[in-house]
Amino acid sequence: MEALNEISVDLAEFKSACGWVSKSRKDLAQETFLVFEDDGFTVVTPQAITKVKSSGRWVTPVAIPAQYFKAWVNGLPKTQEITLLYFNDWLQVGKLRVRARPVAMLARLFSDGSTKPA
């Protein structure tokens, strides 16, 4: 049985997408979102929105503290492709896990109700 949130991505492309995060300590509360829209898997950081080529299924949008997530992603094993799995408030790649929370209304990120900047 296929998990609701299990998706494979190119590690280099994923790292690049997750890297758009401010290094300022005042931005510690900012989050990165992982969501699957009609046109594909999307990484929404505080600084950019990036589509990432993927295969699999991603049903539940999730949020992770941006600076912490960037560091976690940079520590992933050096492989060409990784498989992200989200369940029970954990985002996992192999044995490495990070806390993540489901987000019900991702469209509220931007004033026009989309996940695309105005």
PDB file of N, CA and C in Angstrom:
ATOM      1  N   MET A   1       0.839  -1.190   0.000  1.00  0.00           N
ATOM      2  CA  MET A   1       0.000   0.000   0.000  1.00  0.00           C
ATOM      3  C   MET A   1       0.878   1.247   0.000  1.00  0.00           C
ATOM      4  N   GLU A   2       0.592   2.186  -0.883  1.00  0.00           N
ATOM      5  CA  GLU A   2       1.366   3.418  -1.005  1.00  0.00           C
ATOM      6  C   GLU A   2       0.958   4.412   0.084  1.00  0.00           C
ATOM      7  N   ALA A   3       1.953   5.053   0.680  1.00  0.00           N
ATOM      8  CA  ALA A   3       1.689   6.049   1.718  1.00  0.00           C
ATOM      9  C   ALA A   3       1.050   7.288   1.100  1.00  0.00           C
ATOM     10  N   LEU A   4       0.309   8.047   1.912  1.00  0.00           N
ATOM     11  CA  LEU A   4      -0.321   9.274   1.428  1.00  0.00           C
ATOM     12  C   LEU A   4       0.707  10.339   1.067  1.00  0.00           C
ATOM     13  N   ASN A   5       1.785  10.410   1.809  1.00  0.00           N
ATOM     14  CA  ASN A   5       2.826  11.402   1.549  1.00  0.00           C
ATOM     15  C   ASN A   5       4.166  10.698   1.407  1.00  0.00           C
ATOM     16  N   GLU A   6       4.453  10.253   0.206  1.00  0.00           N
ATOM     17  CA  GLU A   6       5.737   9.616  -0.102  1.00  0.00           C
ATOM     18  C   GLU A   6       6.123  10.024  -1.510  1.00  0.00           C
ATOM     19  N   ILE A   7       7.254  10.726  -1.622  1.00  0.00           N
ATOM     20  CA  ILE A   7       7.635  11.291  -2.907  1.00  0.00           C
ATOM     21  C   ILE A   7       9.150  11.221  -3.075  1.00  0.00           C
ATOM     22  N   SER A   8       9.607  10.911  -4.278  1.00  0.00           N
ATOM     23  CA  SER A   8      11.038  10.853  -4.578  1.00  0.00           C
ATOM     24  C   SER A   8      11.427  12.088  -5.377  1.00  0.00           C
ATOM     25  N   VAL A   9      12.577  12.674  -4.996  1.00  0.00           N
ATOM     26  CA  VAL A   9      13.068  13.890  -5.646  1.00  0.00           C
ATOM     27  C   VAL A   9      14.579  13.795  -5.835  1.00  0.00           C
ATOM     28  N   ASP A  10      15.106  14.584  -6.753  1.00  0.00           N
ATOM     29  CA  ASP A  10      16.542  14.714  -6.932  1.00  0.00           C
ATOM     30  C   ASP A  10      17.093  15.522  -5.759  1.00  0.00           C
ATOM     31  N   LEU A  11      18.105  14.994  -5.065  1.00  0.00           N
ATOM     32  CA  LEU A  11      18.612  15.654  -3.862  1.00  0.00           C
ATOM     33  C   LEU A  11      19.176  17.041  -4.154  1.00  0.00           C
ATOM     34  N   ALA A  12      19.961  17.191  -5.204  1.00  0.00           N
ATOM     35  CA  ALA A  12      20.559  18.501  -5.509  1.00  0.00           C
ATOM     36  C   ALA A  12      19.479  19.544  -5.788  1.00  0.00           C
ATOM     37  N   GLU A  13      18.465  19.166  -6.559  1.00  0.00           N
ATOM     38  CA  GLU A  13      17.372  20.089  -6.875  1.00  0.00           C
ATOM     39  C   GLU A  13      16.587  20.449  -5.604  1.00  0.00           C
ATOM     40  N   PHE A  14      16.348  19.446  -4.751  1.00  0.00           N
ATOM     41  CA  PHE A  14      15.619  19.671  -3.502  1.00  0.00           C
ATOM     42  C   PHE A  14      16.406  20.586  -2.561  1.00  0.00           C
ATOM     43  N   LYS A  15      17.719  20.345  -2.428  1.00  0.00           N
ATOM     44  CA  LYS A  15      18.560  21.202  -1.578  1.00  0.00           C
ATOM     45  C   LYS A  15      18.531  22.646  -2.059  1.00  0.00           C
ATOM     46  N   SER A  16      18.612  22.822  -3.367  1.00  0.00           N
ATOM     47  CA  SER A  16      18.570  24.165  -3.936  1.00  0.00           C
ATOM     48  C   SER A  16      17.245  24.852  -3.609  1.00  0.00           C
ATOM     49  N   ALA A  17      16.154  24.128  -3.736  1.00  0.00           N
ATOM     50  CA  ALA A  17      14.829  24.691  -3.447  1.00  0.00           C
ATOM     51  C   ALA A  17      14.682  25.058  -1.978  1.00  0.00           C
ATOM     52  N   CYS A  18      15.261  24.265  -1.088  1.00  0.00           N
ATOM     53  CA  CYS A  18      15.131  24.489   0.361  1.00  0.00           C
ATOM     54  C   CYS A  18      16.100  25.544   0.879  1.00  0.00           C
ATOM     55  N   GLY A  19      17.028  25.973   0.052  1.00  0.00           N
ATOM     56  CA  GLY A  19      18.067  26.903   0.494  1.00  0.00           C
ATOM     57  C   GLY A  19      17.662  28.362   0.543  1.00  0.00           C
ATOM     58  N   TRP A  20      16.480  28.701   0.061  1.00  0.00           N
ATOM     59  CA  TRP A  20      16.043  30.099   0.024  1.00  0.00           C
ATOM     60  C   TRP A  20      15.502  30.526   1.381  1.00  0.00           C
ATOM     61  N   VAL A  21      16.431  30.646   2.357  1.00  0.00           N
ATOM     62  CA  VAL A  21      16.050  30.967   3.734  1.00  0.00           C
ATOM     63  C   VAL A  21      16.971  32.057   4.265  1.00  0.00           C
ATOM     64  N   SER A  22      16.396  33.047   4.909  1.00  0.00           N
ATOM     65  CA  SER A  22      17.167  34.121   5.526  1.00  0.00           C
ATOM     66  C   SER A  22      18.003  33.577   6.677  1.00  0.00           C
ATOM     67  N   LYS A  23      19.201  34.136   6.859  1.00  0.00           N
ATOM     68  CA  LYS A  23      20.062  33.718   7.968  1.00  0.00           C
ATOM     69  C   LYS A  23      19.873  34.596   9.193  1.00  0.00           C
ATOM     70  N   SER A  24      18.990  35.562   9.120  1.00  0.00           N
ATOM     71  CA  SER A  24      18.772  36.491  10.222  1.00  0.00           C
ATOM     72  C   SER A  24      18.077  35.807  11.394  1.00  0.00           C
ATOM     73  N   ARG A  25      18.550  36.084  12.597  1.00  0.00           N
ATOM     74  CA  ARG A  25      17.943  35.502  13.795  1.00  0.00           C
ATOM     75  C   ARG A  25      16.520  36.010  13.996  1.00  0.00           C
ATOM     76  N   LYS A  26      16.194  37.182  13.460  1.00  0.00           N
ATOM     77  CA  LYS A  26      14.833  37.698  13.612  1.00  0.00           C
ATOM     78  C   LYS A  26      13.823  36.915  12.779  1.00  0.00           C
ATOM     79  N   ASP A  27      14.316  36.105  11.831  1.00  0.00           N
ATOM     80  CA  ASP A  27      13.440  35.319  10.967  1.00  0.00           C
ATOM     81  C   ASP A  27      13.302  33.867  11.422  1.00  0.00           C
ATOM     82  N   LEU A  28      13.634  33.572  12.668  1.00  0.00           N
ATOM     83  CA  LEU A  28      13.598  32.197  13.163  1.00  0.00           C
ATOM     84  C   LEU A  28      12.205  31.579  13.108  1.00  0.00           C
ATOM     85  N   ALA A  29      11.158  32.388  13.153  1.00  0.00           N
ATOM     86  CA  ALA A  29       9.794  31.857  13.160  1.00  0.00           C
ATOM     87  C   ALA A  29       9.278  31.509  11.759  1.00  0.00           C
ATOM     88  N   GLN A  30      10.036  31.846  10.719  1.00  0.00           N
ATOM     89  CA  GLN A  30       9.574  31.570   9.360  1.00  0.00           C
ATOM     90  C   GLN A  30       9.582  30.071   9.083  1.00  0.00           C
ATOM     91  N   GLU A  31       8.720  29.650   8.156  1.00  0.00           N
ATOM     92  CA  GLU A  31       8.573  28.227   7.870  1.00  0.00           C
ATOM     93  C   GLU A  31       8.771  27.928   6.388  1.00  0.00           C
ATOM     94  N   THR A  32       9.118  26.679   6.132  1.00  0.00           N
ATOM     95  CA  THR A  32       9.153  26.134   4.781  1.00  0.00           C
ATOM     96  C   THR A  32       7.976  25.177   4.669  1.00  0.00           C
ATOM     97  N   PHE A  33       7.304  25.219   3.522  1.00  0.00           N
ATOM     98  CA  PHE A  33       6.136  24.362   3.291  1.00  0.00           C
ATOM     99  C   PHE A  33       6.435  23.400   2.147  1.00  0.00           C
ATOM    100  N   LEU A  34       5.979  22.172   2.285  1.00  0.00           N
ATOM    101  CA  LEU A  34       6.051  21.178   1.223  1.00  0.00           C
ATOM    102  C   LEU A  34       4.623  20.861   0.821  1.00  0.00           C
ATOM    103  N   VAL A  35       4.306  21.056  -0.455  1.00  0.00           N
ATOM    104  CA  VAL A  35       2.928  20.902  -0.915  1.00  0.00           C
ATOM    105  C   VAL A  35       2.930  20.363  -2.345  1.00  0.00           C
ATOM    106  N   PHE A  36       1.899  19.638  -2.697  1.00  0.00           N
ATOM    107  CA  PHE A  36       1.732  19.173  -4.070  1.00  0.00           C
ATOM    108  C   PHE A  36       0.551  19.927  -4.659  1.00  0.00           C
ATOM    109  N   GLU A  37       0.819  20.732  -5.674  1.00  0.00           N
ATOM    110  CA  GLU A  37      -0.225  21.475  -6.369  1.00  0.00           C
ATOM    111  C   GLU A  37      -0.538  20.755  -7.676  1.00  0.00           C
ATOM    112  N   ASP A  38      -1.474  21.296  -8.440  1.00  0.00           N
ATOM    113  CA  ASP A  38      -1.858  20.696  -9.719  1.00  0.00           C
ATOM    114  C   ASP A  38      -0.662  20.520 -10.653  1.00  0.00           C
ATOM    115  N   ASP A  39       0.275  21.450 -10.591  1.00  0.00           N
ATOM    116  CA  ASP A  39       1.408  21.394 -11.503  1.00  0.00           C
ATOM    117  C   ASP A  39       2.671  20.809 -10.871  1.00  0.00           C
ATOM    118  N   GLY A  40       2.563  20.134  -9.729  1.00  0.00           N
ATOM    119  CA  GLY A  40       3.706  19.410  -9.187  1.00  0.00           C
ATOM    120  C   GLY A  40       4.061  19.711  -7.748  1.00  0.00           C
ATOM    121  N   PHE A  41       5.100  19.017  -7.290  1.00  0.00           N
ATOM    122  CA  PHE A  41       5.603  19.152  -5.930  1.00  0.00           C
ATOM    123  C   PHE A  41       6.284  20.505  -5.784  1.00  0.00           C
ATOM    124  N   THR A  42       5.953  21.228  -4.735  1.00  0.00           N
ATOM    125  CA  THR A  42       6.424  22.597  -4.559  1.00  0.00           C
ATOM    126  C   THR A  42       7.019  22.796  -3.175  1.00  0.00           C
ATOM    127  N   VAL A  43       8.170  23.483  -3.131  1.00  0.00           N
ATOM    128  CA  VAL A  43       8.810  23.877  -1.881  1.00  0.00           C
ATOM    129  C   VAL A  43       8.602  25.382  -1.753  1.00  0.00           C
ATOM    130  N   VAL A  44       7.925  25.800  -0.676  1.00  0.00           N
ATOM    131  CA  VAL A  44       7.649  27.213  -0.440  1.00  0.00           C
ATOM    132  C   VAL A  44       8.483  27.648   0.757  1.00  0.00           C
ATOM    133  N   THR A  45       9.548  28.413   0.495  1.00  0.00           N
ATOM    134  CA  THR A  45      10.390  28.934   1.572  1.00  0.00           C
ATOM    135  C   THR A  45      10.020  30.400   1.799  1.00  0.00           C
ATOM    136  N   PRO A  46      10.556  31.018   2.847  1.00  0.00           N
ATOM    137  CA  PRO A  46      10.247  32.437   3.069  1.00  0.00           C
ATOM    138  C   PRO A  46      10.709  33.346   1.926  1.00  0.00           C
ATOM    139  N   GLN A  47      11.685  32.904   1.127  1.00  0.00           N
ATOM    140  CA  GLN A  47      12.248  33.753   0.085  1.00  0.00           C
ATOM    141  C   GLN A  47      11.856  33.368  -1.342  1.00  0.00           C
ATOM    142  N   ALA A  48      11.389  32.132  -1.561  1.00  0.00           N
ATOM    143  CA  ALA A  48      11.110  31.698  -2.935  1.00  0.00           C
ATOM    144  C   ALA A  48      10.155  30.509  -2.963  1.00  0.00           C
ATOM    145  N   ILE A  49       9.548  30.314  -4.115  1.00  0.00           N
ATOM    146  CA  ILE A  49       8.676  29.168  -4.368  1.00  0.00           C
ATOM    147  C   ILE A  49       9.289  28.410  -5.531  1.00  0.00           C
ATOM    148  N   THR A  50       9.566  27.121  -5.320  1.00  0.00           N
ATOM    149  CA  THR A  50      10.278  26.342  -6.323  1.00  0.00           C
ATOM    150  C   THR A  50       9.568  25.019  -6.585  1.00  0.00           C
ATOM    151  N   LYS A  51       9.340  24.735  -7.854  1.00  0.00           N
ATOM    152  CA  LYS A  51       8.818  23.431  -8.275  1.00  0.00           C
ATOM    153  C   LYS A  51       9.982  22.454  -8.315  1.00  0.00           C
ATOM    154  N   VAL A  52       9.748  21.236  -7.847  1.00  0.00           N
ATOM    155  CA  VAL A  52      10.776  20.200  -7.846  1.00  0.00           C
ATOM    156  C   VAL A  52      10.217  18.980  -8.571  1.00  0.00           C
ATOM    157  N   LYS A  53      10.958  18.483  -9.564  1.00  0.00           N
ATOM    158  CA  LYS A  53      10.531  17.279 -10.268  1.00  0.00           C
ATOM    159  C   LYS A  53      10.428  16.142  -9.265  1.00  0.00           C
ATOM    160  N   SER A  54       9.362  15.359  -9.375  1.00  0.00           N
ATOM    161  CA  SER A  54       9.136  14.314  -8.385  1.00  0.00           C
ATOM    162  C   SER A  54       8.346  13.165  -8.975  1.00  0.00           C
ATOM    163  N   SER A  55       8.353  12.081  -8.230  1.00  0.00           N
ATOM    164  CA  SER A  55       7.464  10.966  -8.535  1.00  0.00           C
ATOM    165  C   SER A  55       6.928  10.457  -7.205  1.00  0.00           C
ATOM    166  N   GLY A  56       5.671  10.124  -7.200  1.00  0.00           N
ATOM    167  CA  GLY A  56       5.033   9.664  -5.977  1.00  0.00           C
ATOM    168  C   GLY A  56       3.778  10.449  -5.696  1.00  0.00           C
ATOM    169  N   ARG A  57       3.417  10.475  -4.440  1.00  0.00           N
ATOM    170  CA  ARG A  57       2.155  11.095  -4.023  1.00  0.00           C
ATOM    171  C   ARG A  57       2.385  11.937  -2.769  1.00  0.00           C
ATOM    172  N   TRP A  58       1.826  13.139  -2.743  1.00  0.00           N
ATOM    173  CA  TRP A  58       1.952  14.044  -1.594  1.00  0.00           C
ATOM    174  C   TRP A  58       0.596  14.682  -1.374  1.00  0.00           C
ATOM    175  N   VAL A  59      -0.137  14.245  -0.365  1.00  0.00           N
ATOM    176  CA  VAL A  59      -1.507  14.684  -0.148  1.00  0.00           C
ATOM    177  C   VAL A  59      -1.593  15.830   0.855  1.00  0.00           C
ATOM    178  N   THR A  60      -0.879  15.725   1.967  1.00  0.00           N
ATOM    179  CA  THR A  60      -0.990  16.680   3.066  1.00  0.00           C
ATOM    180  C   THR A  60       0.110  17.727   3.010  1.00  0.00           C
ATOM    181  N   PRO A  61      -0.220  19.016   2.836  1.00  0.00           N
ATOM    182  CA  PRO A  61       0.813  20.049   2.927  1.00  0.00           C
ATOM    183  C   PRO A  61       1.386  20.074   4.345  1.00  0.00           C
ATOM    184  N   VAL A  62       2.700  20.254   4.465  1.00  0.00           N
ATOM    185  CA  VAL A  62       3.335  20.296   5.778  1.00  0.00           C
ATOM    186  C   VAL A  62       4.214  21.526   5.909  1.00  0.00           C
ATOM    187  N   ALA A  63       4.451  21.919   7.168  1.00  0.00           N
ATOM    188  CA  ALA A  63       5.297  23.069   7.481  1.00  0.00           C
ATOM    189  C   ALA A  63       6.395  22.641   8.438  1.00  0.00           C
ATOM    190  N   ILE A  64       7.593  23.202   8.228  1.00  0.00           N
ATOM    191  CA  ILE A  64       8.746  22.934   9.073  1.00  0.00           C
ATOM    192  C   ILE A  64       9.456  24.270   9.293  1.00  0.00           C
ATOM    193  N   PRO A  65       9.976  24.545  10.508  1.00  0.00           N
ATOM    194  CA  PRO A  65      10.744  25.780  10.702  1.00  0.00           C
ATOM    195  C   PRO A  65      11.870  25.873   9.657  1.00  0.00           C
ATOM    196  N   ALA A  66      11.913  26.969   8.928  1.00  0.00           N
ATOM    197  CA  ALA A  66      12.749  27.095   7.732  1.00  0.00           C
ATOM    198  C   ALA A  66      14.247  26.908   7.984  1.00  0.00           C
ATOM    199  N   GLN A  67      14.806  27.613   8.963  1.00  0.00           N
ATOM    200  CA  GLN A  67      16.250  27.516   9.187  1.00  0.00           C
ATOM    201  C   GLN A  67      16.644  26.124   9.665  1.00  0.00           C
ATOM    202  N   TYR A  68      15.865  25.540  10.527  1.00  0.00           N
ATOM    203  CA  TYR A  68      16.131  24.200  11.030  1.00  0.00           C
ATOM    204  C   TYR A  68      16.026  23.179   9.887  1.00  0.00           C
ATOM    205  N   PHE A  69      15.005  23.341   9.037  1.00  0.00           N
ATOM    206  CA  PHE A  69      14.804  22.423   7.924  1.00  0.00           C
ATOM    207  C   PHE A  69      15.952  22.497   6.924  1.00  0.00           C
ATOM    208  N   LYS A  70      16.426  23.710   6.634  1.00  0.00           N
ATOM    209  CA  LYS A  70      17.544  23.868   5.702  1.00  0.00           C
ATOM    210  C   LYS A  70      18.771  23.113   6.213  1.00  0.00           C
ATOM    211  N   ALA A  71      19.064  23.235   7.501  1.00  0.00           N
ATOM    212  CA  ALA A  71      20.205  22.523   8.083  1.00  0.00           C
ATOM    213  C   ALA A  71      20.000  21.010   8.003  1.00  0.00           C
ATOM    214  N   TRP A  72      18.770  20.550   8.253  1.00  0.00           N
ATOM    215  CA  TRP A  72      18.463  19.123   8.190  1.00  0.00           C
ATOM    216  C   TRP A  72      18.664  18.598   6.761  1.00  0.00           C
ATOM    217  N   VAL A  73      18.171  19.341   5.790  1.00  0.00           N
ATOM    218  CA  VAL A  73      18.314  18.946   4.385  1.00  0.00           C
ATOM    219  C   VAL A  73      19.786  18.879   3.988  1.00  0.00           C
ATOM    220  N   ASN A  74      20.584  19.837   4.448  1.00  0.00           N
ATOM    221  CA  ASN A  74      22.009  19.840   4.118  1.00  0.00           C
ATOM    222  C   ASN A  74      22.743  18.651   4.735  1.00  0.00           C
ATOM    223  N   GLY A  75      22.169  18.022   5.763  1.00  0.00           N
ATOM    224  CA  GLY A  75      22.782  16.865   6.396  1.00  0.00           C
ATOM    225  C   GLY A  75      22.316  15.526   5.858  1.00  0.00           C
ATOM    226  N   LEU A  76      21.467  15.551   4.822  1.00  0.00           N
ATOM    227  CA  LEU A  76      20.976  14.294   4.249  1.00  0.00           C
ATOM    228  C   LEU A  76      22.112  13.543   3.553  1.00  0.00           C
ATOM    229  N   PRO A  77      21.991  12.217   3.462  1.00  0.00           N
ATOM    230  CA  PRO A  77      23.032  11.421   2.791  1.00  0.00           C
ATOM    231  C   PRO A  77      23.241  11.884   1.353  1.00  0.00           C
ATOM    232  N   LYS A  78      24.480  11.824   0.907  1.00  0.00           N
ATOM    233  CA  LYS A  78      24.844  12.283  -0.433  1.00  0.00           C
ATOM    234  C   LYS A  78      24.473  11.218  -1.473  1.00  0.00           C
ATOM    235  N   THR A  79      23.238  11.241  -1.904  1.00  0.00           N
ATOM    236  CA  THR A  79      22.764  10.346  -2.956  1.00  0.00           C
ATOM    237  C   THR A  79      22.151  11.194  -4.051  1.00  0.00           C
ATOM    238  N   GLN A  80      21.905  10.605  -5.193  1.00  0.00           N
ATOM    239  CA  GLN A  80      21.302  11.371  -6.279  1.00  0.00           C
ATOM    240  C   GLN A  80      19.830  11.640  -6.022  1.00  0.00           C
ATOM    241  N   GLU A  81      19.136  10.656  -5.490  1.00  0.00           N
ATOM    242  CA  GLU A  81      17.693  10.778  -5.264  1.00  0.00           C
ATOM    243  C   GLU A  81      17.367  10.390  -3.827  1.00  0.00           C
ATOM    244  N   ILE A  82      16.368  11.080  -3.263  1.00  0.00           N
ATOM    245  CA  ILE A  82      15.892  10.740  -1.924  1.00  0.00           C
ATOM    246  C   ILE A  82      14.381  10.529  -1.989  1.00  0.00           C
ATOM    247  N   THR A  83      13.881   9.799  -1.018  1.00  0.00           N
ATOM    248  CA  THR A  83      12.438   9.614  -0.890  1.00  0.00           C
ATOM    249  C   THR A  83      11.990  10.236   0.420  1.00  0.00           C
ATOM    250  N   LEU A  84      11.134  11.242   0.319  1.00  0.00           N
ATOM    251  CA  LEU A  84      10.559  11.905   1.484  1.00  0.00           C
ATOM    252  C   LEU A  84       9.292  11.164   1.886  1.00  0.00           C
ATOM    253  N   LEU A  85       9.153  10.922   3.169  1.00  0.00           N
ATOM    254  CA  LEU A  85       7.976  10.245   3.694  1.00  0.00           C
ATOM    255  C   LEU A  85       7.481  11.047   4.892  1.00  0.00           C
ATOM    256  N   TYR A  86       6.203  11.415   4.881  1.00  0.00           N
ATOM    257  CA  TYR A  86       5.618  12.160   6.010  1.00  0.00           C
ATOM    258  C   TYR A  86       4.494  11.335   6.623  1.00  0.00           C
ATOM    259  N   PHE A  87       4.574  11.120   7.939  1.00  0.00           N
ATOM    260  CA  PHE A  87       3.504  10.468   8.689  1.00  0.00           C
ATOM    261  C   PHE A  87       3.681  10.767  10.167  1.00  0.00           C
ATOM    262  N   ASN A  88       2.570  10.842  10.890  1.00  0.00           N
ATOM    263  CA  ASN A  88       2.559  11.069  12.344  1.00  0.00           C
ATOM    264  C   ASN A  88       3.455  12.229  12.786  1.00  0.00           C
ATOM    265  N   ASP A  89       3.362  13.358  12.112  1.00  0.00           N
ATOM    266  CA  ASP A  89       4.112  14.577  12.439  1.00  0.00           C
ATOM    267  C   ASP A  89       5.623  14.460  12.251  1.00  0.00           C
ATOM    268  N   TRP A  90       6.091  13.545  11.433  1.00  0.00           N
ATOM    269  CA  TRP A  90       7.510  13.395  11.139  1.00  0.00           C
ATOM    270  C   TRP A  90       7.717  13.361   9.631  1.00  0.00           C
ATOM    271  N   LEU A  91       8.719  14.098   9.160  1.00  0.00           N
ATOM    272  CA  LEU A  91       9.192  14.007   7.795  1.00  0.00           C
ATOM    273  C   LEU A  91      10.456  13.163   7.856  1.00  0.00           C
ATOM    274  N   GLN A  92      10.541  12.146   7.027  1.00  0.00           N
ATOM    275  CA  GLN A  92      11.632  11.186   7.139  1.00  0.00           C
ATOM    276  C   GLN A  92      12.278  10.925   5.789  1.00  0.00           C
ATOM    277  N   VAL A  93      13.607  10.797   5.816  1.00  0.00           N
ATOM    278  CA  VAL A  93      14.395  10.327   4.683  1.00  0.00           C
ATOM    279  C   VAL A  93      15.302   9.249   5.258  1.00  0.00           C
ATOM    280  N   GLY A  94      15.054   8.014   4.890  1.00  0.00           N
ATOM    281  CA  GLY A  94      15.802   6.912   5.500  1.00  0.00           C
ATOM    282  C   GLY A  94      15.545   6.905   6.997  1.00  0.00           C
ATOM    283  N   LYS A  95      16.628   6.940   7.781  1.00  0.00           N
ATOM    284  CA  LYS A  95      16.496   6.951   9.246  1.00  0.00           C
ATOM    285  C   LYS A  95      16.490   8.364   9.828  1.00  0.00           C
ATOM    286  N   LEU A  96      16.719   9.376   8.994  1.00  0.00           N
ATOM    287  CA  LEU A  96      16.751  10.767   9.459  1.00  0.00           C
ATOM    288  C   LEU A  96      15.348  11.343   9.473  1.00  0.00           C
ATOM    289  N   ARG A  97      14.964  11.939  10.608  1.00  0.00           N
ATOM    290  CA  ARG A  97      13.619  12.504  10.746  1.00  0.00           C
ATOM    291  C   ARG A  97      13.690  13.936  11.248  1.00  0.00           C
ATOM    292  N   VAL A  98      12.651  14.690  10.931  1.00  0.00           N
ATOM    293  CA  VAL A  98      12.486  16.048  11.437  1.00  0.00           C
ATOM    294  C   VAL A  98      10.992  16.249  11.702  1.00  0.00           C
ATOM    295  N   ARG A  99      10.674  16.966  12.759  1.00  0.00           N
ATOM    296  CA  ARG A  99       9.274  17.266  13.078  1.00  0.00           C
ATOM    297  C   ARG A  99       8.679  18.171  12.014  1.00  0.00           C
ATOM    298  N   ALA A 100       7.468  17.866  11.630  1.00  0.00           N
ATOM    299  CA  ALA A 100       6.722  18.675  10.662  1.00  0.00           C
ATOM    300  C   ALA A 100       5.269  18.674  11.110  1.00  0.00           C
ATOM    301  N   ARG A 101       4.538  19.695  10.695  1.00  0.00           N
ATOM    302  CA  ARG A 101       3.128  19.744  11.078  1.00  0.00           C
ATOM    303  C   ARG A 101       2.273  19.924   9.841  1.00  0.00           C
ATOM    304  N   PRO A 102       1.105  19.299   9.848  1.00  0.00           N
ATOM    305  CA  PRO A 102       0.210  19.463   8.703  1.00  0.00           C
ATOM    306  C   PRO A 102      -0.336  20.886   8.644  1.00  0.00           C
ATOM    307  N   VAL A 103      -0.578  21.365   7.446  1.00  0.00           N
ATOM    308  CA  VAL A 103      -1.113  22.706   7.229  1.00  0.00           C
ATOM    309  C   VAL A 103      -2.409  22.566   6.437  1.00  0.00           C
ATOM    310  N   ALA A 104      -3.499  23.015   7.020  1.00  0.00           N
ATOM    311  CA  ALA A 104      -4.795  22.856   6.369  1.00  0.00           C
ATOM    312  C   ALA A 104      -5.048  23.914   5.292  1.00  0.00           C
ATOM    313  N   MET A 105      -4.636  25.136   5.526  1.00  0.00           N
ATOM    314  CA  MET A 105      -4.990  26.229   4.618  1.00  0.00           C
ATOM    315  C   MET A 105      -3.740  26.904   4.066  1.00  0.00           C
ATOM    316  N   LEU A 106      -2.982  26.213   3.249  1.00  0.00           N
ATOM    317  CA  LEU A 106      -1.768  26.779   2.679  1.00  0.00           C
ATOM    318  C   LEU A 106      -2.062  27.980   1.789  1.00  0.00           C
ATOM    319  N   ALA A 107      -3.231  28.041   1.200  1.00  0.00           N
ATOM    320  CA  ALA A 107      -3.569  29.143   0.298  1.00  0.00           C
ATOM    321  C   ALA A 107      -3.564  30.493   0.998  1.00  0.00           C
ATOM    322  N   ARG A 108      -3.624  30.506   2.303  1.00  0.00           N
ATOM    323  CA  ARG A 108      -3.599  31.781   3.039  1.00  0.00           C
ATOM    324  C   ARG A 108      -2.222  32.434   3.057  1.00  0.00           C
ATOM    325  N   LEU A 109      -1.222  31.783   2.486  1.00  0.00           N
ATOM    326  CA  LEU A 109       0.117  32.358   2.482  1.00  0.00           C
ATOM    327  C   LEU A 109       0.164  33.685   1.733  1.00  0.00           C
ATOM    328  N   PHE A 110      -0.616  33.796   0.672  1.00  0.00           N
ATOM    329  CA  PHE A 110      -0.567  34.999  -0.142  1.00  0.00           C
ATOM    330  C   PHE A 110      -1.958  35.627  -0.217  1.00  0.00           C
ATOM    331  N   SER A 111      -1.983  36.938  -0.398  1.00  0.00           N
ATOM    332  CA  SER A 111      -3.222  37.693  -0.318  1.00  0.00           C
ATOM    333  C   SER A 111      -4.248  37.281  -1.365  1.00  0.00           C
ATOM    334  N   ASP A 112      -3.813  36.765  -2.521  1.00  0.00           N
ATOM    335  CA  ASP A 112      -4.775  36.416  -3.556  1.00  0.00           C
ATOM    336  C   ASP A 112      -5.298  34.986  -3.398  1.00  0.00           C
ATOM    337  N   GLY A 113      -4.915  34.310  -2.300  1.00  0.00           N
ATOM    338  CA  GLY A 113      -5.430  32.968  -2.031  1.00  0.00           C
ATOM    339  C   GLY A 113      -4.692  31.865  -2.750  1.00  0.00           C
ATOM    340  N   SER A 114      -3.547  32.174  -3.351  1.00  0.00           N
ATOM    341  CA  SER A 114      -2.771  31.148  -4.038  1.00  0.00           C
ATOM    342  C   SER A 114      -1.458  30.918  -3.293  1.00  0.00           C
ATOM    343  N   THR A 115      -0.691  29.952  -3.753  1.00  0.00           N
ATOM    344  CA  THR A 115       0.643  29.760  -3.194  1.00  0.00           C
ATOM    345  C   THR A 115       1.700  30.380  -4.108  1.00  0.00           C
ATOM    346  N   LYS A 116       1.257  31.272  -4.983  1.00  0.00           N
ATOM    347  CA  LYS A 116       2.176  31.986  -5.853  1.00  0.00           C
ATOM    348  C   LYS A 116       2.241  33.454  -5.442  1.00  0.00           C
ATOM    349  N   PRO A 117       3.460  34.038  -5.354  1.00  0.00           N
ATOM    350  CA  PRO A 117       3.550  35.430  -4.936  1.00  0.00           C
ATOM    351  C   PRO A 117       2.863  36.364  -5.920  1.00  0.00           C
ATOM    352  N   ALA A 118       2.329  37.446  -5.390  1.00  0.00           N
ATOM    353  CA  ALA A 118       1.591  38.422  -6.221  1.00  0.00           C
ATOM    354  C   ALA A 118       2.553  39.209  -7.094  1.00  0.00           C
TER     355      ALA A 118
END
